[in-house]
């Protein structure tokens, strides 16, 4: 059990009437240093201790299973030769996860992407581009238009 030092006051939490009640980054950093995940957890521990209530902090672990979610995927285009074309401007995390699941569960489908810009990064902080993600995960891709060679491929 973690030892609690001082009870935080609203002044220590830097609460003002102009903002919603949030803990300052200094409070959060101190809480993390004390072994908590947030300033609110530290304040709660201090409160319980001040009231003489015994507690355990993050010792109980409860395993659970998320319910299975059956989803449907409707491709943008299915060519006569069986190639599936998915057109993407933005390529969100949820899209990438979905396509990895589909590829794993239905390897018989040939899903390819046409991006408005395959050189776009997955996020502002990522060095990975849409093109790099496709190459890493075994998806063919093109920019702006479906390549003629895809149209001429035999099924």
N, C-alpha and C. Protein backbone atom coordinates (compact mmCIF):
# COMPACT_ATOMS: atom_id res chain seq x y z
N UNK A 1 0.86 -1.18 0.00
CA UNK A 1 0.00 0.00 0.00
C UNK A 1 0.90 1.24 0.00
N UNK A 2 0.54 2.22 -0.77
CA UNK A 2 1.32 3.45 -0.87
C UNK A 2 1.08 4.33 0.34
N UNK A 3 2.13 5.02 0.74
CA UNK A 3 2.01 5.93 1.86
C UNK A 3 1.64 7.32 1.35
N UNK A 4 0.70 7.97 2.03
CA UNK A 4 0.23 9.27 1.60
C UNK A 4 0.84 10.34 2.48
N UNK A 5 1.31 11.41 1.84
CA UNK A 5 2.00 12.43 2.61
C UNK A 5 1.09 13.59 3.02
N UNK A 6 0.66 14.39 2.07
CA UNK A 6 -0.14 15.56 2.43
C UNK A 6 -1.45 15.56 1.67
N UNK A 7 -2.47 16.11 2.27
CA UNK A 7 -3.77 16.23 1.62
C UNK A 7 -3.75 17.47 0.73
N UNK A 8 -4.11 17.30 -0.53
CA UNK A 8 -4.10 18.43 -1.45
C UNK A 8 -5.29 19.34 -1.19
N UNK A 9 -5.05 20.61 -1.36
CA UNK A 9 -6.11 21.60 -1.22
C UNK A 9 -6.46 22.12 -2.61
N UNK A 10 -7.61 22.78 -2.76
CA UNK A 10 -7.94 23.35 -4.08
C UNK A 10 -6.86 24.27 -4.61
N UNK A 11 -6.14 24.97 -3.71
CA UNK A 11 -5.07 25.85 -4.16
C UNK A 11 -3.95 25.02 -4.78
N UNK A 12 -3.61 23.88 -4.17
CA UNK A 12 -2.56 23.02 -4.70
C UNK A 12 -2.96 22.43 -6.05
N UNK A 13 -4.26 22.27 -6.26
CA UNK A 13 -4.74 21.70 -7.52
C UNK A 13 -4.91 22.78 -8.59
N UNK A 14 -4.65 24.04 -8.23
CA UNK A 14 -4.76 25.17 -9.15
C UNK A 14 -6.15 25.24 -9.79
N UNK A 15 -7.15 25.25 -8.98
CA UNK A 15 -8.52 25.34 -9.47
C UNK A 15 -8.91 26.81 -9.55
N UNK A 16 -9.47 27.21 -10.67
CA UNK A 16 -9.96 28.57 -10.81
C UNK A 16 -11.43 28.51 -11.20
N UNK A 17 -12.10 29.61 -11.03
CA UNK A 17 -13.53 29.63 -11.38
C UNK A 17 -13.73 29.69 -12.89
N UNK A 18 -12.70 30.04 -13.65
CA UNK A 18 -12.81 30.16 -15.10
C UNK A 18 -12.77 28.80 -15.81
N UNK A 19 -12.07 27.84 -15.25
CA UNK A 19 -11.87 26.56 -15.92
C UNK A 19 -12.64 25.46 -15.19
N UNK A 20 -12.94 24.36 -15.92
CA UNK A 20 -13.48 23.20 -15.23
C UNK A 20 -12.43 22.67 -14.27
N UNK A 21 -12.84 21.90 -13.29
CA UNK A 21 -11.90 21.41 -12.29
C UNK A 21 -11.02 20.31 -12.87
N UNK A 22 -9.75 20.65 -13.11
CA UNK A 22 -8.75 19.71 -13.60
C UNK A 22 -7.54 19.82 -12.69
N UNK A 23 -6.81 18.74 -12.58
CA UNK A 23 -5.59 18.78 -11.81
C UNK A 23 -4.48 19.34 -12.68
N UNK A 24 -3.62 20.15 -12.07
CA UNK A 24 -2.50 20.72 -12.83
C UNK A 24 -1.51 19.62 -13.17
N UNK A 25 -0.69 19.90 -14.15
CA UNK A 25 0.30 18.90 -14.55
C UNK A 25 1.28 18.63 -13.40
N UNK A 26 1.56 19.62 -12.55
CA UNK A 26 2.46 19.41 -11.41
C UNK A 26 1.85 18.40 -10.43
N UNK A 27 0.55 18.52 -10.20
CA UNK A 27 -0.14 17.58 -9.30
C UNK A 27 -0.10 16.18 -9.90
N UNK A 28 -0.37 16.09 -11.19
CA UNK A 28 -0.36 14.78 -11.87
C UNK A 28 1.05 14.18 -11.83
N UNK A 29 2.07 14.99 -12.09
CA UNK A 29 3.44 14.49 -12.08
C UNK A 29 3.83 13.96 -10.70
N UNK A 30 3.42 14.69 -9.65
CA UNK A 30 3.73 14.23 -8.30
C UNK A 30 2.98 12.94 -7.99
N UNK A 31 1.73 12.85 -8.44
CA UNK A 31 0.93 11.65 -8.21
C UNK A 31 1.59 10.45 -8.89
N UNK A 32 2.05 10.65 -10.12
CA UNK A 32 2.72 9.57 -10.84
C UNK A 32 3.99 9.16 -10.11
N UNK A 33 4.73 10.14 -9.62
CA UNK A 33 5.96 9.85 -8.86
C UNK A 33 5.65 9.05 -7.60
N UNK A 34 4.48 9.25 -7.04
CA UNK A 34 4.06 8.53 -5.83
C UNK A 34 3.48 7.16 -6.17
N UNK A 35 3.35 6.84 -7.45
CA UNK A 35 2.86 5.53 -7.84
C UNK A 35 1.41 5.49 -8.29
N UNK A 36 0.77 6.65 -8.41
CA UNK A 36 -0.61 6.70 -8.88
C UNK A 36 -0.62 7.04 -10.36
N UNK A 37 -1.76 6.82 -11.01
CA UNK A 37 -1.88 7.12 -12.44
C UNK A 37 -2.41 8.52 -12.68
N UNK A 38 -2.97 9.14 -11.65
CA UNK A 38 -3.52 10.48 -11.83
C UNK A 38 -3.53 11.22 -10.50
N UNK A 39 -3.71 12.53 -10.61
CA UNK A 39 -3.82 13.36 -9.41
C UNK A 39 -5.07 13.01 -8.61
N UNK A 40 -6.17 12.67 -9.29
CA UNK A 40 -7.41 12.32 -8.60
C UNK A 40 -7.23 11.05 -7.77
N UNK A 41 -6.48 10.08 -8.29
CA UNK A 41 -6.23 8.86 -7.51
C UNK A 41 -5.45 9.19 -6.24
N UNK A 42 -4.46 10.07 -6.35
CA UNK A 42 -3.68 10.45 -5.18
C UNK A 42 -4.55 11.16 -4.15
N UNK A 43 -5.38 12.09 -4.62
CA UNK A 43 -6.27 12.82 -3.71
C UNK A 43 -7.23 11.85 -3.02
N UNK A 44 -7.76 10.88 -3.76
CA UNK A 44 -8.67 9.90 -3.18
C UNK A 44 -7.97 9.07 -2.13
N UNK A 45 -6.74 8.65 -2.41
CA UNK A 45 -5.96 7.88 -1.43
C UNK A 45 -5.73 8.70 -0.17
N UNK A 46 -5.40 9.95 -0.34
CA UNK A 46 -5.17 10.84 0.81
C UNK A 46 -6.45 11.01 1.62
N UNK A 47 -7.57 11.16 0.94
CA UNK A 47 -8.85 11.32 1.61
C UNK A 47 -9.20 10.07 2.41
N UNK A 48 -9.07 8.90 1.78
CA UNK A 48 -9.37 7.65 2.49
C UNK A 48 -8.48 7.48 3.72
N UNK A 49 -7.20 7.80 3.56
CA UNK A 49 -6.26 7.70 4.68
C UNK A 49 -6.65 8.68 5.79
N UNK A 50 -7.02 9.90 5.43
CA UNK A 50 -7.40 10.90 6.44
C UNK A 50 -8.65 10.49 7.20
N UNK A 51 -9.50 9.67 6.57
CA UNK A 51 -10.73 9.18 7.22
C UNK A 51 -10.50 7.87 7.95
N UNK A 52 -9.26 7.35 7.89
CA UNK A 52 -8.94 6.11 8.59
C UNK A 52 -9.49 4.86 7.91
N UNK A 53 -9.78 4.96 6.63
CA UNK A 53 -10.32 3.82 5.88
C UNK A 53 -9.17 3.05 5.25
N UNK A 54 -9.12 1.74 5.53
CA UNK A 54 -8.11 0.90 4.91
C UNK A 54 -8.47 0.62 3.46
N UNK A 55 -7.46 0.50 2.60
CA UNK A 55 -7.72 0.20 1.20
C UNK A 55 -6.48 -0.44 0.59
N UNK A 56 -6.69 -1.06 -0.57
CA UNK A 56 -5.61 -1.58 -1.39
C UNK A 56 -5.67 -0.81 -2.69
N UNK A 57 -4.53 -0.44 -3.20
CA UNK A 57 -4.49 0.33 -4.45
C UNK A 57 -4.02 -0.57 -5.59
N UNK A 58 -4.89 -0.76 -6.57
CA UNK A 58 -4.63 -1.50 -7.80
C UNK A 58 -3.97 -2.85 -7.55
N UNK A 59 -4.48 -3.59 -6.58
CA UNK A 59 -4.00 -4.95 -6.35
C UNK A 59 -4.93 -5.97 -6.97
N UNK A 60 -6.23 -5.70 -6.95
CA UNK A 60 -7.21 -6.61 -7.52
C UNK A 60 -7.18 -6.49 -9.05
N UNK A 61 -7.11 -7.65 -9.72
CA UNK A 61 -7.14 -7.67 -11.19
C UNK A 61 -8.32 -8.54 -11.60
N UNK A 62 -9.22 -7.97 -12.38
CA UNK A 62 -10.41 -8.68 -12.81
C UNK A 62 -10.32 -8.91 -14.31
N UNK A 63 -10.18 -10.15 -14.72
CA UNK A 63 -10.14 -10.48 -16.13
C UNK A 63 -11.55 -10.50 -16.70
N UNK A 64 -11.72 -10.00 -17.90
CA UNK A 64 -13.03 -10.02 -18.53
C UNK A 64 -12.86 -10.16 -20.03
N UNK A 65 -13.91 -10.56 -20.68
CA UNK A 65 -13.90 -10.74 -22.13
C UNK A 65 -14.88 -9.75 -22.74
N UNK A 66 -14.39 -9.02 -23.73
CA UNK A 66 -15.29 -8.12 -24.45
C UNK A 66 -16.18 -8.97 -25.35
N UNK A 67 -17.42 -8.59 -25.48
CA UNK A 67 -18.31 -9.36 -26.35
C UNK A 67 -17.81 -9.33 -27.79
N UNK A 68 -18.00 -10.43 -28.48
CA UNK A 68 -17.63 -10.51 -29.88
C UNK A 68 -18.53 -9.57 -30.67
N UNK A 69 -17.93 -8.81 -31.55
CA UNK A 69 -18.70 -7.88 -32.36
C UNK A 69 -18.63 -8.35 -33.81
N UNK A 70 -19.75 -8.73 -34.34
CA UNK A 70 -19.81 -9.11 -35.75
C UNK A 70 -20.06 -7.85 -36.55
N UNK A 71 -19.23 -7.62 -37.52
CA UNK A 71 -19.32 -6.42 -38.34
C UNK A 71 -19.53 -6.81 -39.80
N UNK A 72 -19.89 -5.83 -40.60
CA UNK A 72 -20.03 -6.03 -42.04
C UNK A 72 -19.14 -5.01 -42.75
N UNK A 73 -18.54 -5.46 -43.82
CA UNK A 73 -17.69 -4.59 -44.62
C UNK A 73 -18.26 -4.54 -46.03
N UNK A 74 -18.49 -3.37 -46.53
CA UNK A 74 -18.98 -3.17 -47.88
C UNK A 74 -17.88 -2.46 -48.67
N UNK A 75 -17.18 -3.21 -49.55
CA UNK A 75 -16.10 -2.59 -50.34
C UNK A 75 -16.65 -1.50 -51.25
N UNK A 76 -15.78 -0.55 -51.56
CA UNK A 76 -16.19 0.52 -52.47
C UNK A 76 -16.47 -0.03 -53.87
N UNK A 77 -15.53 -0.81 -54.41
CA UNK A 77 -15.68 -1.34 -55.76
C UNK A 77 -15.20 -2.79 -55.80
N UNK A 78 -15.93 -3.63 -56.52
CA UNK A 78 -15.48 -4.99 -56.80
C UNK A 78 -15.39 -5.12 -58.31
N UNK A 79 -14.18 -5.28 -58.81
CA UNK A 79 -13.97 -5.37 -60.25
C UNK A 79 -14.43 -6.72 -60.77
N UNK A 80 -14.66 -6.81 -62.07
CA UNK A 80 -15.09 -8.06 -62.70
C UNK A 80 -14.09 -9.19 -62.46
N UNK A 81 -12.81 -8.83 -62.32
CA UNK A 81 -11.77 -9.85 -62.11
C UNK A 81 -11.62 -10.24 -60.64
N UNK A 82 -12.48 -9.71 -59.77
CA UNK A 82 -12.48 -10.09 -58.36
C UNK A 82 -11.67 -9.17 -57.45
N UNK A 83 -10.89 -8.28 -58.02
CA UNK A 83 -10.10 -7.35 -57.20
C UNK A 83 -11.05 -6.37 -56.52
N UNK A 84 -10.83 -6.16 -55.23
CA UNK A 84 -11.63 -5.22 -54.45
C UNK A 84 -10.83 -3.93 -54.30
N UNK A 85 -11.46 -2.82 -54.65
CA UNK A 85 -10.83 -1.50 -54.56
C UNK A 85 -11.47 -0.72 -53.43
N UNK A 86 -10.63 -0.26 -52.53
CA UNK A 86 -11.07 0.59 -51.43
C UNK A 86 -10.42 1.95 -51.64
N UNK A 87 -11.21 2.99 -51.81
CA UNK A 87 -10.67 4.34 -52.00
C UNK A 87 -10.62 5.05 -50.65
N UNK A 88 -9.51 5.72 -50.40
CA UNK A 88 -9.31 6.37 -49.11
C UNK A 88 -8.70 7.75 -49.27
N UNK A 89 -9.32 8.72 -48.64
CA UNK A 89 -8.71 10.03 -48.45
C UNK A 89 -7.93 9.95 -47.15
N UNK A 90 -8.66 9.84 -46.06
CA UNK A 90 -8.05 9.62 -44.73
C UNK A 90 -8.05 8.14 -44.44
N UNK A 91 -6.98 7.66 -43.86
CA UNK A 91 -6.83 6.23 -43.54
C UNK A 91 -6.69 6.11 -42.03
N UNK A 92 -7.84 6.07 -41.37
CA UNK A 92 -7.89 6.11 -39.91
C UNK A 92 -7.45 4.79 -39.27
N UNK A 93 -7.10 4.85 -38.01
CA UNK A 93 -6.70 3.67 -37.26
C UNK A 93 -7.77 2.59 -37.35
N UNK A 94 -9.02 2.98 -37.22
CA UNK A 94 -10.12 2.00 -37.28
C UNK A 94 -10.18 1.32 -38.65
N UNK A 95 -9.90 2.07 -39.72
CA UNK A 95 -9.86 1.48 -41.06
C UNK A 95 -8.72 0.46 -41.17
N UNK A 96 -7.56 0.84 -40.67
CA UNK A 96 -6.40 -0.05 -40.75
C UNK A 96 -6.64 -1.33 -39.96
N UNK A 97 -7.19 -1.20 -38.77
CA UNK A 97 -7.49 -2.39 -37.95
C UNK A 97 -8.51 -3.28 -38.65
N UNK A 98 -9.54 -2.67 -39.22
CA UNK A 98 -10.58 -3.41 -39.92
C UNK A 98 -9.98 -4.21 -41.07
N UNK A 99 -9.14 -3.58 -41.87
CA UNK A 99 -8.59 -4.26 -43.04
C UNK A 99 -7.60 -5.35 -42.66
N UNK A 100 -6.90 -5.19 -41.57
CA UNK A 100 -6.03 -6.28 -41.10
C UNK A 100 -6.86 -7.49 -40.67
N UNK A 101 -7.97 -7.23 -39.97
CA UNK A 101 -8.86 -8.32 -39.56
C UNK A 101 -9.47 -9.02 -40.76
N UNK A 102 -9.93 -8.25 -41.73
CA UNK A 102 -10.54 -8.84 -42.93
C UNK A 102 -9.51 -9.67 -43.69
N UNK A 103 -8.29 -9.15 -43.84
CA UNK A 103 -7.24 -9.88 -44.56
C UNK A 103 -6.93 -11.20 -43.86
N UNK A 104 -6.90 -11.17 -42.53
CA UNK A 104 -6.60 -12.39 -41.77
C UNK A 104 -7.75 -13.40 -41.86
N UNK A 105 -8.98 -12.93 -41.77
CA UNK A 105 -10.13 -13.82 -41.76
C UNK A 105 -10.58 -14.25 -43.16
N UNK A 106 -10.28 -13.45 -44.17
CA UNK A 106 -10.71 -13.74 -45.54
C UNK A 106 -9.55 -13.53 -46.52
N UNK A 107 -8.51 -14.38 -46.41
CA UNK A 107 -7.32 -14.18 -47.27
C UNK A 107 -7.61 -14.38 -48.76
N UNK A 108 -8.74 -14.96 -49.10
CA UNK A 108 -9.08 -15.18 -50.51
C UNK A 108 -9.43 -13.88 -51.25
N UNK A 109 -9.75 -12.82 -50.50
CA UNK A 109 -10.09 -11.55 -51.14
C UNK A 109 -8.83 -10.74 -51.41
N UNK A 110 -8.76 -10.15 -52.59
CA UNK A 110 -7.64 -9.31 -53.00
C UNK A 110 -8.08 -7.85 -52.85
N UNK A 111 -7.82 -7.29 -51.68
CA UNK A 111 -8.24 -5.91 -51.38
C UNK A 111 -7.06 -4.98 -51.65
N UNK A 112 -7.32 -3.95 -52.43
CA UNK A 112 -6.29 -2.98 -52.78
C UNK A 112 -6.82 -1.58 -52.50
N UNK A 113 -5.89 -0.66 -52.26
CA UNK A 113 -6.27 0.70 -51.91
C UNK A 113 -5.89 1.69 -53.01
N UNK A 114 -6.76 2.66 -53.21
CA UNK A 114 -6.44 3.83 -54.03
C UNK A 114 -6.56 5.03 -53.08
N UNK A 115 -5.41 5.65 -52.83
CA UNK A 115 -5.35 6.78 -51.90
C UNK A 115 -5.34 8.09 -52.67
N UNK A 116 -5.87 9.13 -52.05
CA UNK A 116 -5.70 10.45 -52.64
C UNK A 116 -4.25 10.89 -52.50
N UNK A 117 -3.55 10.36 -51.47
CA UNK A 117 -2.12 10.66 -51.29
C UNK A 117 -1.50 9.57 -50.43
N UNK A 118 -0.84 8.61 -51.07
CA UNK A 118 -0.25 7.49 -50.31
C UNK A 118 0.98 7.92 -49.51
N UNK A 119 1.47 9.15 -49.74
CA UNK A 119 2.62 9.65 -48.99
C UNK A 119 2.21 10.34 -47.70
N UNK A 120 0.90 10.43 -47.46
CA UNK A 120 0.41 11.04 -46.21
C UNK A 120 0.81 10.16 -45.04
N UNK A 121 1.09 10.77 -43.93
CA UNK A 121 1.47 10.03 -42.72
C UNK A 121 0.24 9.53 -41.99
N UNK A 122 0.42 8.42 -41.27
CA UNK A 122 -0.70 7.85 -40.51
C UNK A 122 -1.21 8.82 -39.47
N UNK A 123 -0.32 9.61 -38.90
CA UNK A 123 -0.69 10.66 -37.94
C UNK A 123 0.38 11.74 -37.99
N UNK A 124 0.14 12.82 -37.30
CA UNK A 124 1.10 13.93 -37.29
C UNK A 124 2.45 13.51 -36.73
N UNK A 125 2.43 12.59 -35.76
CA UNK A 125 3.69 12.20 -35.12
C UNK A 125 4.31 10.95 -35.72
N UNK A 126 3.61 10.28 -36.62
CA UNK A 126 4.12 9.04 -37.21
C UNK A 126 5.02 9.34 -38.40
N UNK A 127 6.05 8.52 -38.55
CA UNK A 127 6.90 8.60 -39.74
C UNK A 127 6.37 7.67 -40.82
N UNK A 128 5.43 6.81 -40.46
CA UNK A 128 4.88 5.83 -41.39
C UNK A 128 3.84 6.47 -42.29
N UNK A 129 3.98 6.23 -43.59
CA UNK A 129 3.00 6.74 -44.55
C UNK A 129 1.98 5.64 -44.85
N UNK A 130 0.91 6.03 -45.53
CA UNK A 130 -0.10 5.04 -45.96
C UNK A 130 0.58 3.97 -46.81
N UNK A 131 1.46 4.40 -47.71
CA UNK A 131 2.17 3.46 -48.59
C UNK A 131 3.01 2.48 -47.78
N UNK A 132 3.74 2.98 -46.80
CA UNK A 132 4.59 2.12 -45.97
C UNK A 132 3.73 1.10 -45.21
N UNK A 133 2.58 1.54 -44.71
CA UNK A 133 1.69 0.62 -43.99
C UNK A 133 1.22 -0.48 -44.93
N UNK A 134 0.83 -0.13 -46.15
CA UNK A 134 0.37 -1.12 -47.13
C UNK A 134 1.47 -2.12 -47.45
N UNK A 135 2.66 -1.63 -47.70
CA UNK A 135 3.79 -2.52 -48.01
C UNK A 135 4.08 -3.47 -46.86
N UNK A 136 4.07 -2.95 -45.65
CA UNK A 136 4.34 -3.77 -44.47
C UNK A 136 3.28 -4.86 -44.30
N UNK A 137 2.03 -4.55 -44.63
CA UNK A 137 0.93 -5.48 -44.38
C UNK A 137 0.44 -6.23 -45.63
N UNK A 138 1.17 -6.11 -46.72
CA UNK A 138 0.88 -6.90 -47.90
C UNK A 138 -0.33 -6.45 -48.71
N UNK A 139 -0.60 -5.16 -48.72
CA UNK A 139 -1.69 -4.62 -49.54
C UNK A 139 -1.10 -3.86 -50.72
N UNK A 140 -1.66 -4.06 -51.91
CA UNK A 140 -1.27 -3.25 -53.06
C UNK A 140 -2.02 -1.93 -52.97
N UNK A 141 -1.39 -0.88 -53.52
CA UNK A 141 -2.01 0.45 -53.43
C UNK A 141 -1.60 1.28 -54.63
N UNK A 142 -2.34 2.33 -54.85
CA UNK A 142 -2.04 3.30 -55.91
C UNK A 142 -2.50 4.67 -55.45
N UNK A 143 -2.08 5.68 -56.20
CA UNK A 143 -2.49 7.06 -55.92
C UNK A 143 -3.50 7.53 -56.96
N UNK A 144 -4.58 8.09 -56.49
CA UNK A 144 -5.59 8.81 -57.27
C UNK A 144 -6.44 7.99 -58.23
N UNK A 145 -5.86 7.09 -59.02
CA UNK A 145 -6.63 6.30 -59.99
C UNK A 145 -6.26 4.83 -59.90
N UNK A 146 -7.18 3.98 -60.31
CA UNK A 146 -6.93 2.54 -60.37
C UNK A 146 -5.98 2.30 -61.54
N UNK A 147 -4.83 1.67 -61.31
CA UNK A 147 -3.88 1.41 -62.41
C UNK A 147 -4.49 0.50 -63.47
N UNK A 148 -4.17 0.76 -64.73
CA UNK A 148 -4.67 -0.05 -65.83
C UNK A 148 -4.31 -1.52 -65.66
N UNK A 149 -3.12 -1.81 -65.13
CA UNK A 149 -2.72 -3.22 -64.97
C UNK A 149 -3.65 -3.98 -64.01
N UNK A 150 -4.22 -3.28 -63.03
CA UNK A 150 -5.18 -3.94 -62.14
C UNK A 150 -6.44 -4.31 -62.93
N UNK A 151 -6.83 -3.46 -63.85
CA UNK A 151 -8.05 -3.70 -64.63
C UNK A 151 -7.86 -4.87 -65.59
N UNK A 152 -6.63 -5.09 -66.03
CA UNK A 152 -6.35 -6.14 -67.03
C UNK A 152 -6.00 -7.48 -66.40
N UNK A 153 -5.79 -7.51 -65.07
CA UNK A 153 -5.44 -8.77 -64.42
C UNK A 153 -6.56 -9.78 -64.57
N UNK A 154 -6.17 -11.03 -64.72
CA UNK A 154 -7.14 -12.13 -64.83
C UNK A 154 -7.47 -12.61 -63.42
N UNK A 155 -8.70 -13.07 -63.24
CA UNK A 155 -9.11 -13.57 -61.93
C UNK A 155 -8.59 -14.97 -61.68
